[in-house]
């Protein structure tokens, strides 16, 4: 009888440890997802801001009001999506 109680205690301790471990990994996955989303959005926004900034400077320097902004906005968007693509490929290689 005593032997069975010890085995049950060991088993319940292992189950508690696994529950705690599963809770911790769930939190880590949520944090990774949030940081991944923040990184992706930052890549796109930064590229767009740089593109718009360069477009405004080109427009003021060459006096071509909307064209520099439009062209460099498109370049910034393309650069942002290219950066996101590179990040995604890097993450795929890590898995």
PDB file of N, CA and C in Angstrom:
ATOM      1  N   UNK A   1       0.827  -1.191   0.000  1.00  0.00           N
ATOM      2  CA  UNK A   1       0.000   0.000   0.000  1.00  0.00           C
ATOM      3  C   UNK A   1       0.871   1.255   0.000  1.00  0.00           C
ATOM      4  N   UNK A   2       1.907   1.253   0.796  1.00  0.00           N
ATOM      5  CA  UNK A   2       2.800   2.405   0.894  1.00  0.00           C
ATOM      6  C   UNK A   2       3.529   2.640  -0.433  1.00  0.00           C
ATOM      7  N   UNK A   3       3.865   1.531  -1.092  1.00  0.00           N
ATOM      8  CA  UNK A   3       4.555   1.609  -2.376  1.00  0.00           C
ATOM      9  C   UNK A   3       3.675   2.306  -3.415  1.00  0.00           C
ATOM     10  N   UNK A   4       2.391   2.022  -3.441  1.00  0.00           N
ATOM     11  CA  UNK A   4       1.466   2.640  -4.385  1.00  0.00           C
ATOM     12  C   UNK A   4       1.316   4.130  -4.107  1.00  0.00           C
ATOM     13  N   UNK A   5       1.285   4.520  -2.853  1.00  0.00           N
ATOM     14  CA  UNK A   5       1.162   5.934  -2.504  1.00  0.00           C
ATOM     15  C   UNK A   5       2.371   6.728  -2.975  1.00  0.00           C
ATOM     16  N   UNK A   6       3.559   6.126  -2.840  1.00  0.00           N
ATOM     17  CA  UNK A   6       4.776   6.807  -3.289  1.00  0.00           C
ATOM     18  C   UNK A   6       4.764   6.991  -4.803  1.00  0.00           C
ATOM     19  N   UNK A   7       4.315   5.947  -5.515  1.00  0.00           N
ATOM     20  CA  UNK A   7       4.245   6.051  -6.979  1.00  0.00           C
ATOM     21  C   UNK A   7       3.230   7.102  -7.412  1.00  0.00           C
ATOM     22  N   UNK A   8       2.100   7.151  -6.709  1.00  0.00           N
ATOM     23  CA  UNK A   8       1.089   8.162  -7.027  1.00  0.00           C
ATOM     24  C   UNK A   8       1.600   9.568  -6.749  1.00  0.00           C
ATOM     25  N   UNK A   9       2.347   9.718  -5.673  1.00  0.00           N
ATOM     26  CA  UNK A   9       2.918  11.028  -5.356  1.00  0.00           C
ATOM     27  C   UNK A   9       3.931  11.451  -6.416  1.00  0.00           C
ATOM     28  N   UNK A  10       4.767  10.512  -6.850  1.00  0.00           N
ATOM     29  CA  UNK A  10       5.748  10.811  -7.893  1.00  0.00           C
ATOM     30  C   UNK A  10       5.045  11.201  -9.192  1.00  0.00           C
ATOM     31  N   UNK A  11       4.000  10.446  -9.514  1.00  0.00           N
ATOM     32  CA  UNK A  11       3.266  10.724 -10.741  1.00  0.00           C
ATOM     33  C   UNK A  11       2.587  12.083 -10.691  1.00  0.00           C
ATOM     34  N   UNK A  12       1.972  12.415  -9.575  1.00  0.00           N
ATOM     35  CA  UNK A  12       1.306  13.711  -9.468  1.00  0.00           C
ATOM     36  C   UNK A  12       2.325  14.852  -9.513  1.00  0.00           C
ATOM     37  N   UNK A  13       3.511  14.648  -8.944  1.00  0.00           N
ATOM     38  CA  UNK A  13       4.570  15.665  -8.993  1.00  0.00           C
ATOM     39  C   UNK A  13       5.028  15.883 -10.435  1.00  0.00           C
ATOM     40  N   UNK A  14       5.187  14.791 -11.192  1.00  0.00           N
ATOM     41  CA  UNK A  14       5.590  14.908 -12.594  1.00  0.00           C
ATOM     42  C   UNK A  14       4.523  15.637 -13.409  1.00  0.00           C
ATOM     43  N   UNK A  15       3.264  15.339 -13.143  1.00  0.00           N
ATOM     44  CA  UNK A  15       2.181  16.009 -13.860  1.00  0.00           C
ATOM     45  C   UNK A  15       2.143  17.499 -13.549  1.00  0.00           C
ATOM     46  N   UNK A  16       2.368  17.864 -12.307  1.00  0.00           N
ATOM     47  CA  UNK A  16       2.409  19.278 -11.935  1.00  0.00           C
ATOM     48  C   UNK A  16       3.563  19.984 -12.638  1.00  0.00           C
ATOM     49  N   UNK A  17       4.721  19.334 -12.679  1.00  0.00           N
ATOM     50  CA  UNK A  17       5.874  19.926 -13.362  1.00  0.00           C
ATOM     51  C   UNK A  17       5.593  20.128 -14.847  1.00  0.00           C
ATOM     52  N   UNK A  18       4.940  19.146 -15.476  1.00  0.00           N
ATOM     53  CA  UNK A  18       4.613  19.279 -16.895  1.00  0.00           C
ATOM     54  C   UNK A  18       3.602  20.396 -17.134  1.00  0.00           C
ATOM     55  N   UNK A  19       2.639  20.539 -16.238  1.00  0.00           N
ATOM     56  CA  UNK A  19       1.674  21.630 -16.372  1.00  0.00           C
ATOM     57  C   UNK A  19       2.361  22.978 -16.288  1.00  0.00           C
ATOM     58  N   UNK A  20       3.269  23.126 -15.349  1.00  0.00           N
ATOM     59  CA  UNK A  20       4.008  24.385 -15.191  1.00  0.00           C
ATOM     60  C   UNK A  20       4.854  24.651 -16.428  1.00  0.00           C
ATOM     61  N   UNK A  21       5.492  23.599 -16.934  1.00  0.00           N
ATOM     62  CA  UNK A  21       6.341  23.747 -18.118  1.00  0.00           C
ATOM     63  C   UNK A  21       5.504  24.152 -19.331  1.00  0.00           C
ATOM     64  N   UNK A  22       4.334  23.560 -19.499  1.00  0.00           N
ATOM     65  CA  UNK A  22       3.457  23.913 -20.623  1.00  0.00           C
ATOM     66  C   UNK A  22       2.969  25.348 -20.528  1.00  0.00           C
ATOM     67  N   UNK A  23       2.663  25.815 -19.334  1.00  0.00           N
ATOM     68  CA  UNK A  23       2.240  27.209 -19.161  1.00  0.00           C
ATOM     69  C   UNK A  23       3.354  28.163 -19.547  1.00  0.00           C
ATOM     70  N   UNK A  24       4.587  27.836 -19.178  1.00  0.00           N
ATOM     71  CA  UNK A  24       5.721  28.705 -19.490  1.00  0.00           C
ATOM     72  C   UNK A  24       5.990  28.755 -20.990  1.00  0.00           C
ATOM     73  N   UNK A  25       5.893  27.613 -21.681  1.00  0.00           N
ATOM     74  CA  UNK A  25       6.147  27.629 -23.119  1.00  0.00           C
ATOM     75  C   UNK A  25       5.050  28.371 -23.860  1.00  0.00           C
ATOM     76  N   UNK A  26       3.818  28.339 -23.357  1.00  0.00           N
ATOM     77  CA  UNK A  26       2.742  29.102 -23.981  1.00  0.00           C
ATOM     78  C   UNK A  26       3.002  30.586 -23.903  1.00  0.00           C
ATOM     79  N   UNK A  27       3.522  31.052 -22.770  1.00  0.00           N
ATOM     80  CA  UNK A  27       3.845  32.472 -22.620  1.00  0.00           C
ATOM     81  C   UNK A  27       4.971  32.867 -23.558  1.00  0.00           C
ATOM     82  N   UNK A  28       5.972  31.993 -23.705  1.00  0.00           N
ATOM     83  CA  UNK A  28       7.104  32.300 -24.578  1.00  0.00           C
ATOM     84  C   UNK A  28       6.635  32.402 -26.026  1.00  0.00           C
ATOM     85  N   UNK A  29       5.752  31.503 -26.451  1.00  0.00           N
ATOM     86  CA  UNK A  29       5.261  31.555 -27.823  1.00  0.00           C
ATOM     87  C   UNK A  29       4.472  32.826 -28.079  1.00  0.00           C
ATOM     88  N   UNK A  30       3.667  33.267 -27.115  1.00  0.00           N
ATOM     89  CA  UNK A  30       2.917  34.510 -27.285  1.00  0.00           C
ATOM     90  C   UNK A  30       3.857  35.693 -27.398  1.00  0.00           C
ATOM     91  N   UNK A  31       4.913  35.702 -26.581  1.00  0.00           N
ATOM     92  CA  UNK A  31       5.869  36.804 -26.639  1.00  0.00           C
ATOM     93  C   UNK A  31       6.601  36.804 -27.977  1.00  0.00           C
ATOM     94  N   UNK A  32       6.946  35.625 -28.475  1.00  0.00           N
ATOM     95  CA  UNK A  32       7.618  35.555 -29.768  1.00  0.00           C
ATOM     96  C   UNK A  32       6.714  36.067 -30.873  1.00  0.00           C
ATOM     97  N   UNK A  33       5.437  35.725 -30.814  1.00  0.00           N
ATOM     98  CA  UNK A  33       4.496  36.180 -31.827  1.00  0.00           C
ATOM     99  C   UNK A  33       4.333  37.687 -31.812  1.00  0.00           C
ATOM    100  N   UNK A  34       4.248  38.256 -30.637  1.00  0.00           N
ATOM    101  CA  UNK A  34       4.099  39.703 -30.530  1.00  0.00           C
ATOM    102  C   UNK A  34       5.351  40.410 -31.022  1.00  0.00           C
ATOM    103  N   UNK A  35       6.512  39.906 -30.662  1.00  0.00           N
ATOM    104  CA  UNK A  35       7.747  40.546 -31.109  1.00  0.00           C
ATOM    105  C   UNK A  35       7.924  40.387 -32.615  1.00  0.00           C
ATOM    106  N   UNK A  36       7.477  39.258 -33.151  1.00  0.00           N
ATOM    107  CA  UNK A  36       7.559  39.049 -34.595  1.00  0.00           C
ATOM    108  C   UNK A  36       6.663  40.043 -35.335  1.00  0.00           C
ATOM    109  N   UNK A  37       5.450  40.215 -34.853  1.00  0.00           N
ATOM    110  CA  UNK A  37       4.538  41.176 -35.477  1.00  0.00           C
ATOM    111  C   UNK A  37       5.063  42.596 -35.393  1.00  0.00           C
ATOM    112  N   UNK A  38       5.646  42.939 -34.246  1.00  0.00           N
ATOM    113  CA  UNK A  38       6.208  44.280 -34.090  1.00  0.00           C
ATOM    114  C   UNK A  38       7.375  44.488 -35.035  1.00  0.00           C
ATOM    115  N   UNK A  39       8.203  43.465 -35.205  1.00  0.00           N
ATOM    116  CA  UNK A  39       9.358  43.579 -36.096  1.00  0.00           C
ATOM    117  C   UNK A  39       8.916  43.754 -37.543  1.00  0.00           C
ATOM    118  N   UNK A  40       7.932  42.988 -37.964  1.00  0.00           N
ATOM    119  CA  UNK A  40       7.447  43.076 -39.344  1.00  0.00           C
ATOM    120  C   UNK A  40       6.845  44.460 -39.612  1.00  0.00           C
ATOM    121  N   UNK A  41       6.008  44.933 -38.692  1.00  0.00           N
ATOM    122  CA  UNK A  41       5.391  46.245 -38.903  1.00  0.00           C
ATOM    123  C   UNK A  41       6.432  47.354 -38.882  1.00  0.00           C
ATOM    124  N   UNK A  42       7.446  47.220 -38.049  1.00  0.00           N
ATOM    125  CA  UNK A  42       8.515  48.215 -38.006  1.00  0.00           C
ATOM    126  C   UNK A  42       9.301  48.246 -39.306  1.00  0.00           C
ATOM    127  N   UNK A  43       9.551  47.085 -39.874  1.00  0.00           N
ATOM    128  CA  UNK A  43      10.281  47.024 -41.154  1.00  0.00           C
ATOM    129  C   UNK A  43       9.524  47.782 -42.244  1.00  0.00           C
ATOM    130  N   UNK A  44       8.233  47.544 -42.339  1.00  0.00           N
ATOM    131  CA  UNK A  44       7.439  48.180 -43.391  1.00  0.00           C
ATOM    132  C   UNK A  44       7.325  49.686 -43.155  1.00  0.00           C
ATOM    133  N   UNK A  45       7.015  50.073 -41.937  1.00  0.00           N
ATOM    134  CA  UNK A  45       6.829  51.498 -41.639  1.00  0.00           C
ATOM    135  C   UNK A  45       8.127  52.279 -41.826  1.00  0.00           C
ATOM    136  N   UNK A  46       9.240  51.710 -41.388  1.00  0.00           N
ATOM    137  CA  UNK A  46      10.525  52.405 -41.526  1.00  0.00           C
ATOM    138  C   UNK A  46      10.873  52.617 -42.996  1.00  0.00           C
ATOM    139  N   UNK A  47      10.644  51.591 -43.814  1.00  0.00           N
ATOM    140  CA  UNK A  47      10.951  51.729 -45.241  1.00  0.00           C
ATOM    141  C   UNK A  47      10.052  52.778 -45.893  1.00  0.00           C
ATOM    142  N   UNK A  48       8.792  52.818 -45.507  1.00  0.00           N
ATOM    143  CA  UNK A  48       7.881  53.822 -46.065  1.00  0.00           C
ATOM    144  C   UNK A  48       8.266  55.238 -45.639  1.00  0.00           C
ATOM    145  N   UNK A  49       8.642  55.396 -44.382  1.00  0.00           N
ATOM    146  CA  UNK A  49       9.044  56.725 -43.895  1.00  0.00           C
ATOM    147  C   UNK A  49      10.294  57.216 -44.618  1.00  0.00           C
ATOM    148  N   UNK A  50      11.252  56.331 -44.809  1.00  0.00           N
ATOM    149  CA  UNK A  50      12.476  56.720 -45.522  1.00  0.00           C
ATOM    150  C   UNK A  50      12.144  57.065 -46.972  1.00  0.00           C
ATOM    151  N   UNK A  51      11.309  56.258 -47.610  1.00  0.00           N
ATOM    152  CA  UNK A  51      10.929  56.542 -48.997  1.00  0.00           C
ATOM    153  C   UNK A  51      10.213  57.865 -49.140  1.00  0.00           C
ATOM    154  N   UNK A  52       9.275  58.146 -48.254  1.00  0.00           N
ATOM    155  CA  UNK A  52       8.545  59.423 -48.308  1.00  0.00           C
ATOM    156  C   UNK A  52       9.489  60.587 -48.028  1.00  0.00           C
ATOM    157  N   UNK A  53      10.392  60.415 -47.078  1.00  0.00           N
ATOM    158  CA  UNK A  53      11.357  61.470 -46.770  1.00  0.00           C
ATOM    159  C   UNK A  53      12.243  61.793 -47.955  1.00  0.00           C
ATOM    160  N   UNK A  54      12.761  60.771 -48.593  1.00  0.00           N
ATOM    161  CA  UNK A  54      13.596  60.991 -49.778  1.00  0.00           C
ATOM    162  C   UNK A  54      12.773  61.624 -50.894  1.00  0.00           C
ATOM    163  N   UNK A  55      11.535  61.183 -51.057  1.00  0.00           N
ATOM    164  CA  UNK A  55      10.659  61.757 -52.086  1.00  0.00           C
ATOM    165  C   UNK A  55      10.415  63.234 -51.866  1.00  0.00           C
ATOM    166  N   UNK A  56      10.174  63.630 -50.618  1.00  0.00           N
ATOM    167  CA  UNK A  56       9.961  65.050 -50.323  1.00  0.00           C
ATOM    168  C   UNK A  56      11.226  65.866 -50.586  1.00  0.00           C
ATOM    169  N   UNK A  57      12.368  65.335 -50.227  1.00  0.00           N
ATOM    170  CA  UNK A  57      13.631  66.047 -50.477  1.00  0.00           C
ATOM    171  C   UNK A  57      13.870  66.208 -51.973  1.00  0.00           C
ATOM    172  N   UNK A  58      13.630  65.133 -52.729  1.00  0.00           N
ATOM    173  CA  UNK A  58      13.816  65.207 -54.187  1.00  0.00           C
ATOM    174  C   UNK A  58      12.848  66.218 -54.798  1.00  0.00           C
ATOM    175  N   UNK A  59      11.602  66.217 -54.325  1.00  0.00           N
ATOM    176  CA  UNK A  59      10.620  67.178 -54.843  1.00  0.00           C
ATOM    177  C   UNK A  59      11.045  68.614 -54.567  1.00  0.00           C
ATOM    178  N   UNK A  60      11.543  68.884 -53.384  1.00  0.00           N
ATOM    179  CA  UNK A  60      11.975  70.246 -53.054  1.00  0.00           C
ATOM    180  C   UNK A  60      13.226  70.648 -53.834  1.00  0.00           C
ATOM    181  N   UNK A  61      14.132  69.705 -54.049  1.00  0.00           N
ATOM    182  CA  UNK A  61      15.390  70.028 -54.719  1.00  0.00           C
ATOM    183  C   UNK A  61      15.184  70.241 -56.215  1.00  0.00           C
ATOM    184  N   UNK A  62      14.414  69.352 -56.856  1.00  0.00           N
ATOM    185  CA  UNK A  62      14.219  69.433 -58.305  1.00  0.00           C
ATOM    186  C   UNK A  62      12.918  70.127 -58.700  1.00  0.00           C
ATOM    187  N   UNK A  63      12.099  70.524 -57.729  1.00  0.00           N
ATOM    188  CA  UNK A  63      10.833  71.209 -57.969  1.00  0.00           C
ATOM    189  C   UNK A  63       9.897  70.374 -58.859  1.00  0.00           C
ATOM    190  N   UNK A  64       9.757  69.111 -58.517  1.00  0.00           N
ATOM    191  CA  UNK A  64       8.859  68.185 -59.231  1.00  0.00           C
ATOM    192  C   UNK A  64       7.848  67.673 -58.223  1.00  0.00           C
ATOM    193  N   UNK A  65       6.931  68.517 -57.818  1.00  0.00           N
ATOM    194  CA  UNK A  65       6.120  68.308 -56.606  1.00  0.00           C
ATOM    195  C   UNK A  65       5.568  66.901 -56.390  1.00  0.00           C
ATOM    196  N   UNK A  66       4.677  66.336 -57.128  1.00  0.00           N
ATOM    197  CA  UNK A  66       4.152  65.049 -56.649  1.00  0.00           C
ATOM    198  C   UNK A  66       4.948  63.830 -57.107  1.00  0.00           C
ATOM    199  N   UNK A  67       5.777  63.987 -58.149  1.00  0.00           N
ATOM    200  CA  UNK A  67       6.363  62.801 -58.772  1.00  0.00           C
ATOM    201  C   UNK A  67       7.441  62.136 -57.924  1.00  0.00           C
ATOM    202  N   UNK A  68       8.290  62.917 -57.315  1.00  0.00           N
ATOM    203  CA  UNK A  68       9.326  62.328 -56.460  1.00  0.00           C
ATOM    204  C   UNK A  68       8.719  61.591 -55.271  1.00  0.00           C
ATOM    205  N   UNK A  69       7.701  62.193 -54.675  1.00  0.00           N
ATOM    206  CA  UNK A  69       7.023  61.568 -53.545  1.00  0.00           C
ATOM    207  C   UNK A  69       6.377  60.246 -53.952  1.00  0.00           C
ATOM    208  N   UNK A  70       5.699  60.241 -55.078  1.00  0.00           N
ATOM    209  CA  UNK A  70       5.027  59.021 -55.532  1.00  0.00           C
ATOM    210  C   UNK A  70       6.036  57.928 -55.851  1.00  0.00           C
ATOM    211  N   UNK A  71       7.075  58.271 -56.575  1.00  0.00           N
ATOM    212  CA  UNK A  71       8.070  57.273 -56.984  1.00  0.00           C
ATOM    213  C   UNK A  71       8.794  56.698 -55.770  1.00  0.00           C
ATOM    214  N   UNK A  72       9.230  57.567 -54.856  1.00  0.00           N
ATOM    215  CA  UNK A  72       9.976  57.061 -53.709  1.00  0.00           C
ATOM    216  C   UNK A  72       9.071  56.403 -52.666  1.00  0.00           C
ATOM    217  N   UNK A  73       7.783  56.738 -52.657  1.00  0.00           N
ATOM    218  CA  UNK A  73       6.839  55.998 -51.823  1.00  0.00           C
ATOM    219  C   UNK A  73       6.742  54.555 -52.313  1.00  0.00           C
ATOM    220  N   UNK A  74       6.658  54.387 -53.623  1.00  0.00           N
ATOM    221  CA  UNK A  74       6.601  53.036 -54.199  1.00  0.00           C
ATOM    222  C   UNK A  74       7.899  52.286 -53.919  1.00  0.00           C
ATOM    223  N   UNK A  75       9.053  52.954 -54.080  1.00  0.00           N
ATOM    224  CA  UNK A  75      10.334  52.312 -53.759  1.00  0.00           C
ATOM    225  C   UNK A  75      10.402  51.914 -52.278  1.00  0.00           C
ATOM    226  N   UNK A  76       9.903  52.786 -51.409  1.00  0.00           N
ATOM    227  CA  UNK A  76       9.898  52.474 -49.985  1.00  0.00           C
ATOM    228  C   UNK A  76       9.018  51.278 -49.667  1.00  0.00           C
ATOM    229  N   UNK A  77       7.848  51.206 -50.302  1.00  0.00           N
ATOM    230  CA  UNK A  77       6.956  50.070 -50.087  1.00  0.00           C
ATOM    231  C   UNK A  77       7.607  48.775 -50.568  1.00  0.00           C
ATOM    232  N   UNK A  78       8.233  48.823 -51.729  1.00  0.00           N
ATOM    233  CA  UNK A  78       8.923  47.635 -52.240  1.00  0.00           C
ATOM    234  C   UNK A  78      10.069  47.221 -51.321  1.00  0.00           C
ATOM    235  N   UNK A  79      10.818  48.187 -50.833  1.00  0.00           N
ATOM    236  CA  UNK A  79      11.916  47.881 -49.918  1.00  0.00           C
ATOM    237  C   UNK A  79      11.383  47.280 -48.616  1.00  0.00           C
ATOM    238  N   UNK A  80      10.272  47.794 -48.108  1.00  0.00           N
ATOM    239  CA  UNK A  80       9.674  47.250 -46.888  1.00  0.00           C
ATOM    240  C   UNK A  80       9.254  45.804 -47.064  1.00  0.00           C
ATOM    241  N   UNK A  81       8.588  45.498 -48.166  1.00  0.00           N
ATOM    242  CA  UNK A  81       8.161  44.121 -48.406  1.00  0.00           C
ATOM    243  C   UNK A  81       9.348  43.194 -48.677  1.00  0.00           C
ATOM    244  N   UNK A  82      10.399  43.728 -49.298  1.00  0.00           N
ATOM    245  CA  UNK A  82      11.606  42.927 -49.487  1.00  0.00           C
ATOM    246  C   UNK A  82      12.250  42.599 -48.136  1.00  0.00           C
ATOM    247  N   UNK A  83      12.270  43.556 -47.226  1.00  0.00           N
ATOM    248  CA  UNK A  83      12.809  43.301 -45.891  1.00  0.00           C
ATOM    249  C   UNK A  83      11.975  42.259 -45.146  1.00  0.00           C
ATOM    250  N   UNK A  84      10.663  42.330 -45.277  1.00  0.00           N
ATOM    251  CA  UNK A  84       9.791  41.340 -44.637  1.00  0.00           C
ATOM    252  C   UNK A  84      10.057  39.957 -45.214  1.00  0.00           C
ATOM    253  N   UNK A  85      10.223  39.881 -46.519  1.00  0.00           N
ATOM    254  CA  UNK A  85      10.535  38.607 -47.172  1.00  0.00           C
ATOM    255  C   UNK A  85      11.849  38.028 -46.645  1.00  0.00           C
ATOM    256  N   UNK A  86      12.850  38.886 -46.492  1.00  0.00           N
ATOM    257  CA  UNK A  86      14.140  38.415 -45.962  1.00  0.00           C
ATOM    258  C   UNK A  86      14.014  37.911 -44.534  1.00  0.00           C
ATOM    259  N   UNK A  87      13.237  38.601 -43.710  1.00  0.00           N
ATOM    260  CA  UNK A  87      13.025  38.167 -42.327  1.00  0.00           C
ATOM    261  C   UNK A  87      12.321  36.815 -42.304  1.00  0.00           C
ATOM    262  N   UNK A  88      11.326  36.649 -43.153  1.00  0.00           N
ATOM    263  CA  UNK A  88      10.590  35.380 -43.205  1.00  0.00           C
ATOM    264  C   UNK A  88      11.500  34.230 -43.637  1.00  0.00           C
ATOM    265  N   UNK A  89      12.355  34.460 -44.607  1.00  0.00           N
ATOM    266  CA  UNK A  89      13.282  33.404 -45.049  1.00  0.00           C
ATOM    267  C   UNK A  89      14.265  33.050 -43.949  1.00  0.00           C
ATOM    268  N   UNK A  90      14.745  34.053 -43.208  1.00  0.00           N
ATOM    269  CA  UNK A  90      15.669  33.803 -42.111  1.00  0.00           C
ATOM    270  C   UNK A  90      15.005  32.960 -41.021  1.00  0.00           C
ATOM    271  N   UNK A  91      13.740  33.238 -40.750  1.00  0.00           N
ATOM    272  CA  UNK A  91      13.021  32.471 -39.726  1.00  0.00           C
ATOM    273  C   UNK A  91      12.784  31.042 -40.205  1.00  0.00           C
ATOM    274  N   UNK A  92      12.484  30.859 -41.496  1.00  0.00           N
ATOM    275  CA  UNK A  92      12.293  29.507 -42.029  1.00  0.00           C
ATOM    276  C   UNK A  92      13.567  28.689 -41.918  1.00  0.00           C
ATOM    277  N   UNK A  93      14.712  29.299 -42.152  1.00  0.00           N
ATOM    278  CA  UNK A  93      15.979  28.581 -42.059  1.00  0.00           C
ATOM    279  C   UNK A  93      16.290  28.163 -40.630  1.00  0.00           C
ATOM    280  N   UNK A  94      15.829  28.940 -39.660  1.00  0.00           N
ATOM    281  CA  UNK A  94      16.090  28.606 -38.256  1.00  0.00           C
ATOM    282  C   UNK A  94      15.274  27.416 -37.793  1.00  0.00           C
ATOM    283  N   UNK A  95      14.149  27.145 -38.406  1.00  0.00           N
ATOM    284  CA  UNK A  95      13.281  26.039 -37.989  1.00  0.00           C
ATOM    285  C   UNK A  95      13.726  24.755 -38.541  1.00  0.00           C
TER     286      UNK A  95
END
